[in-house]
């Protein structure tokens, strides 16, 4: 039998506690000196969504068929005003506390 995408032998060796852990993806937006895209934050049923909009540049003089919108889902998104302390409290501290128990 397979649990998720792990073979049963791996699940038995790791134990159920290890299998329950999942990879979590976070985003931190930092201000830039020269922005090249617009972004927006929204909520989806599965969590926060970050959308980048890279507008086509008509001044280039050629047809650009690349898409303009790119969407990414995360467990949590820290906007440009996010502080290092907030990020530590949300992400690193819970991990460190699990390791010391």
PDB file of N, CA and C in Angstrom:
ATOM      1  N   UNK A   1       0.839  -1.187   0.000  1.00  0.00           N
ATOM      2  CA  UNK A   1       0.000   0.000   0.000  1.00  0.00           C
ATOM      3  C   UNK A   1       0.876   1.239   0.000  1.00  0.00           C
ATOM      4  N   UNK A   2       0.339   2.316  -0.503  1.00  0.00           N
ATOM      5  CA  UNK A   2       1.082   3.563  -0.577  1.00  0.00           C
ATOM      6  C   UNK A   2       0.300   4.632   0.175  1.00  0.00           C
ATOM      7  N   UNK A   3       0.999   5.367   1.046  1.00  0.00           N
ATOM      8  CA  UNK A   3       0.402   6.487   1.761  1.00  0.00           C
ATOM      9  C   UNK A   3       0.887   7.747   1.089  1.00  0.00           C
ATOM     10  N   UNK A   4      -0.018   8.473   0.454  1.00  0.00           N
ATOM     11  CA  UNK A   4       0.404   9.634  -0.330  1.00  0.00           C
ATOM     12  C   UNK A   4       1.250   9.134  -1.478  1.00  0.00           C
ATOM     13  N   UNK A   5       2.482   9.585  -1.548  1.00  0.00           N
ATOM     14  CA  UNK A   5       3.367   9.119  -2.602  1.00  0.00           C
ATOM     15  C   UNK A   5       4.527   8.307  -2.029  1.00  0.00           C
ATOM     16  N   UNK A   6       4.450   7.950  -0.737  1.00  0.00           N
ATOM     17  CA  UNK A   6       5.524   7.186  -0.113  1.00  0.00           C
ATOM     18  C   UNK A   6       5.210   5.694  -0.137  1.00  0.00           C
ATOM     19  N   UNK A   7       6.172   4.867  -0.512  1.00  0.00           N
ATOM     20  CA  UNK A   7       5.964   3.426  -0.453  1.00  0.00           C
ATOM     21  C   UNK A   7       5.759   2.967   0.985  1.00  0.00           C
ATOM     22  N   UNK A   8       5.041   1.857   1.179  1.00  0.00           N
ATOM     23  CA  UNK A   8       4.710   1.361   2.514  1.00  0.00           C
ATOM     24  C   UNK A   8       5.960   1.075   3.334  1.00  0.00           C
ATOM     25  N   UNK A   9       7.017   0.560   2.709  1.00  0.00           N
ATOM     26  CA  UNK A   9       8.256   0.254   3.440  1.00  0.00           C
ATOM     27  C   UNK A   9       8.862   1.518   4.041  1.00  0.00           C
ATOM     28  N   UNK A  10       8.798   2.622   3.329  1.00  0.00           N
ATOM     29  CA  UNK A  10       9.332   3.892   3.837  1.00  0.00           C
ATOM     30  C   UNK A  10       8.477   4.388   4.992  1.00  0.00           C
ATOM     31  N   UNK A  11       7.165   4.236   4.872  1.00  0.00           N
ATOM     32  CA  UNK A  11       6.258   4.668   5.933  1.00  0.00           C
ATOM     33  C   UNK A  11       6.541   3.887   7.212  1.00  0.00           C
ATOM     34  N   UNK A  12       6.741   2.560   7.095  1.00  0.00           N
ATOM     35  CA  UNK A  12       7.030   1.743   8.275  1.00  0.00           C
ATOM     36  C   UNK A  12       8.348   2.169   8.924  1.00  0.00           C
ATOM     37  N   UNK A  13       9.351   2.461   8.116  1.00  0.00           N
ATOM     38  CA  UNK A  13      10.655   2.827   8.654  1.00  0.00           C
ATOM     39  C   UNK A  13      10.629   4.199   9.321  1.00  0.00           C
ATOM     40  N   UNK A  14       9.962   5.165   8.701  1.00  0.00           N
ATOM     41  CA  UNK A  14       9.916   6.517   9.253  1.00  0.00           C
ATOM     42  C   UNK A  14       8.976   6.618  10.444  1.00  0.00           C
ATOM     43  N   UNK A  15       7.937   5.829  10.443  1.00  0.00           N
ATOM     44  CA  UNK A  15       6.932   5.901  11.494  1.00  0.00           C
ATOM     45  C   UNK A  15       5.853   6.899  11.137  1.00  0.00           C
ATOM     46  N   UNK A  16       4.663   6.751  11.716  1.00  0.00           N
ATOM     47  CA  UNK A  16       3.529   7.615  11.360  1.00  0.00           C
ATOM     48  C   UNK A  16       3.747   9.082  11.663  1.00  0.00           C
ATOM     49  N   UNK A  17       4.525   9.405  12.700  1.00  0.00           N
ATOM     50  CA  UNK A  17       4.729  10.817  13.049  1.00  0.00           C
ATOM     51  C   UNK A  17       5.479  11.557  11.951  1.00  0.00           C
ATOM     52  N   UNK A  18       6.464  10.926  11.338  1.00  0.00           N
ATOM     53  CA  UNK A  18       7.227  11.569  10.273  1.00  0.00           C
ATOM     54  C   UNK A  18       6.396  11.741   9.012  1.00  0.00           C
ATOM     55  N   UNK A  19       5.527  10.800   8.742  1.00  0.00           N
ATOM     56  CA  UNK A  19       4.727  10.843   7.513  1.00  0.00           C
ATOM     57  C   UNK A  19       3.705  11.968   7.568  1.00  0.00           C
ATOM     58  N   UNK A  20       3.234  12.327   8.754  1.00  0.00           N
ATOM     59  CA  UNK A  20       2.221  13.374   8.888  1.00  0.00           C
ATOM     60  C   UNK A  20       2.779  14.758   8.576  1.00  0.00           C
ATOM     61  N   UNK A  21       4.090  14.924   8.672  1.00  0.00           N
ATOM     62  CA  UNK A  21       4.703  16.213   8.384  1.00  0.00           C
ATOM     63  C   UNK A  21       4.655  16.478   6.879  1.00  0.00           C
ATOM     64  N   UNK A  22       4.350  17.693   6.521  1.00  0.00           N
ATOM     65  CA  UNK A  22       4.323  18.076   5.112  1.00  0.00           C
ATOM     66  C   UNK A  22       5.237  19.270   4.897  1.00  0.00           C
ATOM     67  N   UNK A  23       5.622  19.445   3.680  1.00  0.00           N
ATOM     68  CA  UNK A  23       6.427  20.607   3.324  1.00  0.00           C
ATOM     69  C   UNK A  23       5.506  21.818   3.256  1.00  0.00           C
ATOM     70  N   UNK A  24       5.923  22.897   3.877  1.00  0.00           N
ATOM     71  CA  UNK A  24       5.129  24.114   3.864  1.00  0.00           C
ATOM     72  C   UNK A  24       5.910  25.191   3.119  1.00  0.00           C
ATOM     73  N   UNK A  25       5.207  25.937   2.298  1.00  0.00           N
ATOM     74  CA  UNK A  25       5.823  26.956   1.469  1.00  0.00           C
ATOM     75  C   UNK A  25       5.336  28.334   1.921  1.00  0.00           C
ATOM     76  N   UNK A  26       6.296  29.231   2.185  1.00  0.00           N
ATOM     77  CA  UNK A  26       5.988  30.590   2.602  1.00  0.00           C
ATOM     78  C   UNK A  26       6.601  31.560   1.600  1.00  0.00           C
ATOM     79  N   UNK A  27       6.034  32.750   1.545  1.00  0.00           N
ATOM     80  CA  UNK A  27       6.592  33.802   0.682  1.00  0.00           C
ATOM     81  C   UNK A  27       6.823  35.046   1.519  1.00  0.00           C
ATOM     82  N   UNK A  28       7.932  35.694   1.252  1.00  0.00           N
ATOM     83  CA  UNK A  28       8.215  36.990   1.869  1.00  0.00           C
ATOM     84  C   UNK A  28       8.509  37.968   0.739  1.00  0.00           C
ATOM     85  N   UNK A  29       7.728  39.021   0.665  1.00  0.00           N
ATOM     86  CA  UNK A  29       7.903  40.036  -0.377  1.00  0.00           C
ATOM     87  C   UNK A  29       8.782  41.145   0.170  1.00  0.00           C
ATOM     88  N   UNK A  30       9.784  41.469  -0.588  1.00  0.00           N
ATOM     89  CA  UNK A  30      10.710  42.520  -0.188  1.00  0.00           C
ATOM     90  C   UNK A  30      10.606  43.674  -1.184  1.00  0.00           C
ATOM     91  N   UNK A  31      10.751  44.899  -0.713  1.00  0.00           N
ATOM     92  CA  UNK A  31      10.718  46.036  -1.640  1.00  0.00           C
ATOM     93  C   UNK A  31      11.932  46.014  -2.564  1.00  0.00           C
ATOM     94  N   UNK A  32      11.734  46.465  -3.790  1.00  0.00           N
ATOM     95  CA  UNK A  32      12.837  46.544  -4.743  1.00  0.00           C
ATOM     96  C   UNK A  32      13.000  47.989  -5.199  1.00  0.00           C
ATOM     97  N   UNK A  33      14.180  48.297  -5.692  1.00  0.00           N
ATOM     98  CA  UNK A  33      14.430  49.649  -6.180  1.00  0.00           C
ATOM     99  C   UNK A  33      13.736  49.897  -7.512  1.00  0.00           C
ATOM    100  N   UNK A  34      13.647  48.850  -8.345  1.00  0.00           N
ATOM    101  CA  UNK A  34      13.031  48.992  -9.662  1.00  0.00           C
ATOM    102  C   UNK A  34      12.048  47.841  -9.887  1.00  0.00           C
ATOM    103  N   UNK A  35      10.766  48.042  -9.532  1.00  0.00           N
ATOM    104  CA  UNK A  35       9.789  46.974  -9.716  1.00  0.00           C
ATOM    105  C   UNK A  35       9.612  46.631 -11.195  1.00  0.00           C
ATOM    106  N   UNK A  36       9.535  45.331 -11.493  1.00  0.00           N
ATOM    107  CA  UNK A  36       9.323  44.900 -12.883  1.00  0.00           C
ATOM    108  C   UNK A  36       7.960  44.267 -13.086  1.00  0.00           C
ATOM    109  N   UNK A  37       7.202  44.106 -11.999  1.00  0.00           N
ATOM    110  CA  UNK A  37       5.877  43.493 -12.109  1.00  0.00           C
ATOM    111  C   UNK A  37       4.977  44.045 -11.013  1.00  0.00           C
ATOM    112  N   UNK A  38       3.686  43.962 -11.240  1.00  0.00           N
ATOM    113  CA  UNK A  38       2.696  44.306 -10.232  1.00  0.00           C
ATOM    114  C   UNK A  38       2.297  43.018  -9.534  1.00  0.00           C
ATOM    115  N   UNK A  39       1.920  43.104  -8.282  1.00  0.00           N
ATOM    116  CA  UNK A  39       1.469  41.904  -7.595  1.00  0.00           C
ATOM    117  C   UNK A  39       0.229  42.210  -6.780  1.00  0.00           C
ATOM    118  N   UNK A  40      -0.511  41.136  -6.477  1.00  0.00           N
ATOM    119  CA  UNK A  40      -1.680  41.260  -5.616  1.00  0.00           C
ATOM    120  C   UNK A  40      -1.755  40.017  -4.746  1.00  0.00           C
ATOM    121  N   UNK A  41      -2.357  40.193  -3.580  1.00  0.00           N
ATOM    122  CA  UNK A  41      -2.557  39.095  -2.643  1.00  0.00           C
ATOM    123  C   UNK A  41      -4.043  38.836  -2.532  1.00  0.00           C
ATOM    124  N   UNK A  42      -4.411  37.558  -2.526  1.00  0.00           N
ATOM    125  CA  UNK A  42      -5.817  37.190  -2.408  1.00  0.00           C
ATOM    126  C   UNK A  42      -5.921  35.921  -1.576  1.00  0.00           C
ATOM    127  N   UNK A  43      -7.103  35.608  -1.118  1.00  0.00           N
ATOM    128  CA  UNK A  43      -7.353  34.365  -0.378  1.00  0.00           C
ATOM    129  C   UNK A  43      -8.101  33.405  -1.280  1.00  0.00           C
ATOM    130  N   UNK A  44      -7.644  32.165  -1.268  1.00  0.00           N
ATOM    131  CA  UNK A  44      -8.287  31.086  -1.995  1.00  0.00           C
ATOM    132  C   UNK A  44      -8.754  30.096  -0.925  1.00  0.00           C
ATOM    133  N   UNK A  45      -9.592  29.165  -1.277  1.00  0.00           N
ATOM    134  CA  UNK A  45     -10.026  28.161  -0.314  1.00  0.00           C
ATOM    135  C   UNK A  45      -8.865  27.375   0.262  1.00  0.00           C
ATOM    136  N   UNK A  46      -7.772  27.252  -0.490  1.00  0.00           N
ATOM    137  CA  UNK A  46      -6.610  26.493  -0.051  1.00  0.00           C
ATOM    138  C   UNK A  46      -5.545  27.333   0.613  1.00  0.00           C
ATOM    139  N   UNK A  47      -5.734  28.628   0.752  1.00  0.00           N
ATOM    140  CA  UNK A  47      -4.741  29.486   1.388  1.00  0.00           C
ATOM    141  C   UNK A  47      -4.484  30.733   0.576  1.00  0.00           C
ATOM    142  N   UNK A  48      -3.519  31.538   1.022  1.00  0.00           N
ATOM    143  CA  UNK A  48      -3.231  32.788   0.322  1.00  0.00           C
ATOM    144  C   UNK A  48      -2.613  32.553  -1.056  1.00  0.00           C
ATOM    145  N   UNK A  49      -2.946  33.444  -1.980  1.00  0.00           N
ATOM    146  CA  UNK A  49      -2.453  33.359  -3.354  1.00  0.00           C
ATOM    147  C   UNK A  49      -1.735  34.659  -3.695  1.00  0.00           C
ATOM    148  N   UNK A  50      -0.566  34.515  -4.287  1.00  0.00           N
ATOM    149  CA  UNK A  50       0.215  35.655  -4.751  1.00  0.00           C
ATOM    150  C   UNK A  50       0.155  35.651  -6.271  1.00  0.00           C
ATOM    151  N   UNK A  51      -0.267  36.772  -6.842  1.00  0.00           N
ATOM    152  CA  UNK A  51      -0.362  36.879  -8.306  1.00  0.00           C
ATOM    153  C   UNK A  51       0.563  37.986  -8.782  1.00  0.00           C
ATOM    154  N   UNK A  52       1.430  37.629  -9.726  1.00  0.00           N
ATOM    155  CA  UNK A  52       2.286  38.610 -10.383  1.00  0.00           C
ATOM    156  C   UNK A  52       1.713  38.911 -11.754  1.00  0.00           C
ATOM    157  N   UNK A  53       1.682  40.177 -12.112  1.00  0.00           N
ATOM    158  CA  UNK A  53       1.231  40.587 -13.442  1.00  0.00           C
ATOM    159  C   UNK A  53       2.402  41.292 -14.109  1.00  0.00           C
ATOM    160  N   UNK A  54       2.892  40.692 -15.182  1.00  0.00           N
ATOM    161  CA  UNK A  54       3.997  41.257 -15.950  1.00  0.00           C
ATOM    162  C   UNK A  54       3.401  41.722 -17.275  1.00  0.00           C
ATOM    163  N   UNK A  55       3.109  43.015 -17.399  1.00  0.00           N
ATOM    164  CA  UNK A  55       2.432  43.495 -18.604  1.00  0.00           C
ATOM    165  C   UNK A  55       3.314  43.376 -19.851  1.00  0.00           C
ATOM    166  N   UNK A  56       2.655  43.105 -20.961  1.00  0.00           N
ATOM    167  CA  UNK A  56       3.364  43.089 -22.247  1.00  0.00           C
ATOM    168  C   UNK A  56       3.832  44.504 -22.565  1.00  0.00           C
ATOM    169  N   UNK A  57       5.007  44.627 -23.098  1.00  0.00           N
ATOM    170  CA  UNK A  57       5.548  45.926 -23.452  1.00  0.00           C
ATOM    171  C   UNK A  57       5.331  46.160 -24.941  1.00  0.00           C
ATOM    172  N   UNK A  58       4.357  46.998 -25.283  1.00  0.00           N
ATOM    173  CA  UNK A  58       4.029  47.261 -26.687  1.00  0.00           C
ATOM    174  C   UNK A  58       5.151  48.014 -27.399  1.00  0.00           C
ATOM    175  N   UNK A  59       6.010  48.675 -26.652  1.00  0.00           N
ATOM    176  CA  UNK A  59       7.090  49.450 -27.263  1.00  0.00           C
ATOM    177  C   UNK A  59       8.181  48.565 -27.864  1.00  0.00           C
ATOM    178  N   UNK A  60       8.174  47.278 -27.538  1.00  0.00           N
ATOM    179  CA  UNK A  60       9.185  46.371 -28.077  1.00  0.00           C
ATOM    180  C   UNK A  60       9.051  46.202 -29.590  1.00  0.00           C
ATOM    181  N   UNK A  61       7.851  46.420 -30.123  1.00  0.00           N
ATOM    182  CA  UNK A  61       7.647  46.342 -31.567  1.00  0.00           C
ATOM    183  C   UNK A  61       7.443  44.932 -32.099  1.00  0.00           C
ATOM    184  N   UNK A  62       7.208  43.966 -31.231  1.00  0.00           N
ATOM    185  CA  UNK A  62       6.933  42.611 -31.703  1.00  0.00           C
ATOM    186  C   UNK A  62       5.798  42.012 -30.875  1.00  0.00           C
ATOM    187  N   UNK A  63       5.225  40.944 -31.393  1.00  0.00           N
ATOM    188  CA  UNK A  63       4.109  40.297 -30.707  1.00  0.00           C
ATOM    189  C   UNK A  63       4.654  39.454 -29.559  1.00  0.00           C
ATOM    190  N   UNK A  64       4.089  39.650 -28.387  1.00  0.00           N
ATOM    191  CA  UNK A  64       4.502  38.899 -27.204  1.00  0.00           C
ATOM    192  C   UNK A  64       3.323  38.047 -26.758  1.00  0.00           C
ATOM    193  N   UNK A  65       3.417  36.748 -26.976  1.00  0.00           N
ATOM    194  CA  UNK A  65       2.329  35.847 -26.612  1.00  0.00           C
ATOM    195  C   UNK A  65       2.516  35.202 -25.245  1.00  0.00           C
ATOM    196  N   UNK A  66       3.473  35.668 -24.494  1.00  0.00           N
ATOM    197  CA  UNK A  66       3.672  35.132 -23.156  1.00  0.00           C
ATOM    198  C   UNK A  66       2.506  35.537 -22.272  1.00  0.00           C
ATOM    199  N   UNK A  67       2.220  34.703 -21.307  1.00  0.00           N
ATOM    200  CA  UNK A  67       1.123  35.069 -20.395  1.00  0.00           C
ATOM    201  C   UNK A  67       1.565  36.230 -19.509  1.00  0.00           C
ATOM    202  N   UNK A  68       0.597  36.972 -19.031  1.00  0.00           N
ATOM    203  CA  UNK A  68       0.879  38.141 -18.204  1.00  0.00           C
ATOM    204  C   UNK A  68       0.696  37.870 -16.717  1.00  0.00           C
ATOM    205  N   UNK A  69      -0.071  36.839 -16.376  1.00  0.00           N
ATOM    206  CA  UNK A  69      -0.423  36.589 -14.986  1.00  0.00           C
ATOM    207  C   UNK A  69       0.161  35.258 -14.501  1.00  0.00           C
ATOM    208  N   UNK A  70       0.797  35.303 -13.334  1.00  0.00           N
ATOM    209  CA  UNK A  70       1.372  34.108 -12.722  1.00  0.00           C
ATOM    210  C   UNK A  70       0.853  34.033 -11.289  1.00  0.00           C
ATOM    211  N   UNK A  71       0.214  32.904 -10.919  1.00  0.00           N
ATOM    212  CA  UNK A  71      -0.360  32.740  -9.580  1.00  0.00           C
ATOM    213  C   UNK A  71       0.351  31.619  -8.837  1.00  0.00           C
ATOM    214  N   UNK A  72       0.602  31.867  -7.532  1.00  0.00           N
ATOM    215  CA  UNK A  72       1.274  30.898  -6.681  1.00  0.00           C
ATOM    216  C   UNK A  72       0.554  30.822  -5.340  1.00  0.00           C
ATOM    217  N   UNK A  73       0.358  29.602  -4.815  1.00  0.00           N
ATOM    218  CA  UNK A  73      -0.278  29.406  -3.507  1.00  0.00           C
ATOM    219  C   UNK A  73       0.788  29.139  -2.454  1.00  0.00           C
ATOM    220  N   UNK A  74       0.539  29.660  -1.249  1.00  0.00           N
ATOM    221  CA  UNK A  74       1.454  29.498  -0.126  1.00  0.00           C
ATOM    222  C   UNK A  74       0.655  29.211   1.138  1.00  0.00           C
ATOM    223  N   UNK A  75       1.345  28.721   2.169  1.00  0.00           N
ATOM    224  CA  UNK A  75       0.694  28.568   3.475  1.00  0.00           C
ATOM    225  C   UNK A  75       0.482  29.951   4.098  1.00  0.00           C
ATOM    226  N   UNK A  76       1.459  30.831   3.899  1.00  0.00           N
ATOM    227  CA  UNK A  76       1.343  32.193   4.421  1.00  0.00           C
ATOM    228  C   UNK A  76       2.232  33.098   3.580  1.00  0.00           C
ATOM    229  N   UNK A  77       1.781  34.332   3.403  1.00  0.00           N
ATOM    230  CA  UNK A  77       2.547  35.320   2.650  1.00  0.00           C
ATOM    231  C   UNK A  77       2.817  36.514   3.559  1.00  0.00           C
ATOM    232  N   UNK A  78       4.075  36.886   3.657  1.00  0.00           N
ATOM    233  CA  UNK A  78       4.469  38.065   4.427  1.00  0.00           C
ATOM    234  C   UNK A  78       4.696  39.198   3.433  1.00  0.00           C
ATOM    235  N   UNK A  79       3.888  40.241   3.535  1.00  0.00           N
ATOM    236  CA  UNK A  79       3.978  41.371   2.610  1.00  0.00           C
ATOM    237  C   UNK A  79       5.223  42.204   2.918  1.00  0.00           C
ATOM    238  N   UNK A  80       5.413  43.252   2.163  1.00  0.00           N
ATOM    239  CA  UNK A  80       6.624  44.077   2.279  1.00  0.00           C
ATOM    240  C   UNK A  80       6.818  44.666   3.674  1.00  0.00           C
ATOM    241  N   UNK A  81       5.753  44.849   4.398  1.00  0.00           N
ATOM    242  CA  UNK A  81       5.851  45.403   5.752  1.00  0.00           C
ATOM    243  C   UNK A  81       6.145  44.362   6.820  1.00  0.00           C
ATOM    244  N   UNK A  82       6.249  43.089   6.437  1.00  0.00           N
ATOM    245  CA  UNK A  82       6.504  42.020   7.406  1.00  0.00           C
ATOM    246  C   UNK A  82       7.853  42.175   8.083  1.00  0.00           C
ATOM    247  N   UNK A  83       7.880  41.949   9.383  1.00  0.00           N
ATOM    248  CA  UNK A  83       9.119  42.090  10.159  1.00  0.00           C
ATOM    249  C   UNK A  83       9.753  40.724  10.370  1.00  0.00           C
ATOM    250  N   UNK A  84      11.058  40.709  10.518  1.00  0.00           N
ATOM    251  CA  UNK A  84      11.797  39.474  10.726  1.00  0.00           C
ATOM    252  C   UNK A  84      11.283  38.718  11.953  1.00  0.00           C
ATOM    253  N   UNK A  85      10.931  39.438  13.001  1.00  0.00           N
ATOM    254  CA  UNK A  85      10.420  38.814  14.224  1.00  0.00           C
ATOM    255  C   UNK A  85       9.110  38.069  13.962  1.00  0.00           C
ATOM    256  N   UNK A  86       8.210  38.675  13.163  1.00  0.00           N
ATOM    257  CA  UNK A  86       6.940  38.028  12.829  1.00  0.00           C
ATOM    258  C   UNK A  86       7.174  36.738  12.042  1.00  0.00           C
ATOM    259  N   UNK A  87       8.118  36.792  11.124  1.00  0.00           N
ATOM    260  CA  UNK A  87       8.428  35.615  10.309  1.00  0.00           C
ATOM    261  C   UNK A  87       9.003  34.513  11.188  1.00  0.00           C
ATOM    262  N   UNK A  88       9.905  34.863  12.085  1.00  0.00           N
ATOM    263  CA  UNK A  88      10.482  33.885  13.005  1.00  0.00           C
ATOM    264  C   UNK A  88       9.399  33.243  13.867  1.00  0.00           C
ATOM    265  N   UNK A  89       8.515  34.061  14.434  1.00  0.00           N
ATOM    266  CA  UNK A  89       7.453  33.543  15.304  1.00  0.00           C
ATOM    267  C   UNK A  89       6.519  32.596  14.559  1.00  0.00           C
ATOM    268  N   UNK A  90       6.237  32.882  13.295  1.00  0.00           N
ATOM    269  CA  UNK A  90       5.303  32.065  12.521  1.00  0.00           C
ATOM    270  C   UNK A  90       5.920  30.795  11.952  1.00  0.00           C
ATOM    271  N   UNK A  91       7.196  30.845  11.595  1.00  0.00           N
ATOM    272  CA  UNK A  91       7.797  29.729  10.859  1.00  0.00           C
ATOM    273  C   UNK A  91       8.852  28.992  11.688  1.00  0.00           C
ATOM    274  N   UNK A  92       9.895  29.667  12.097  1.00  0.00           N
ATOM    275  CA  UNK A  92      11.045  29.006  12.704  1.00  0.00           C
ATOM    276  C   UNK A  92      10.808  28.565  14.142  1.00  0.00           C
ATOM    277  N   UNK A  93      10.137  29.373  14.931  1.00  0.00           N
ATOM    278  CA  UNK A  93       9.945  29.060  16.353  1.00  0.00           C
ATOM    279  C   UNK A  93       9.183  27.734  16.552  1.00  0.00           C
ATOM    280  N   UNK A  94       8.062  27.494  15.852  1.00  0.00           N
ATOM    281  CA  UNK A  94       7.378  26.207  16.024  1.00  0.00           C
ATOM    282  C   UNK A  94       8.246  25.003  15.648  1.00  0.00           C
ATOM    283  N   UNK A  95       9.064  25.153  14.626  1.00  0.00           N
ATOM    284  CA  UNK A  95       9.961  24.065  14.212  1.00  0.00           C
ATOM    285  C   UNK A  95      10.998  23.826  15.295  1.00  0.00           C
ATOM    286  N   UNK A  96      11.609  24.893  15.798  1.00  0.00           N
ATOM    287  CA  UNK A  96      12.627  24.762  16.837  1.00  0.00           C
ATOM    288  C   UNK A  96      12.036  24.152  18.113  1.00  0.00           C
ATOM    289  N   UNK A  97      10.823  24.542  18.459  1.00  0.00           N
ATOM    290  CA  UNK A  97      10.188  24.000  19.657  1.00  0.00           C
ATOM    291  C   UNK A  97       9.903  22.513  19.523  1.00  0.00           C
ATOM    292  N   UNK A  98       9.549  22.043  18.331  1.00  0.00           N
ATOM    293  CA  UNK A  98       9.311  20.610  18.110  1.00  0.00           C
ATOM    294  C   UNK A  98      10.594  19.820  18.261  1.00  0.00           C
ATOM    295  N   UNK A  99      11.728  20.427  17.900  1.00  0.00           N
ATOM    296  CA  UNK A  99      13.017  19.737  17.977  1.00  0.00           C
ATOM    297  C   UNK A  99      13.522  19.617  19.412  1.00  0.00           C
ATOM    298  N   UNK A 100      13.089  20.519  20.280  1.00  0.00           N
ATOM    299  CA  UNK A 100      13.588  20.514  21.643  1.00  0.00           C
ATOM    300  C   UNK A 100      12.695  19.728  22.589  1.00  0.00           C
ATOM    301  N   UNK A 101      11.561  19.264  22.128  1.00  0.00           N
ATOM    302  CA  UNK A 101      10.635  18.511  22.990  1.00  0.00           C
ATOM    303  C   UNK A 101      11.005  17.055  23.011  1.00  0.00           C
TER     304      UNK A 101
END
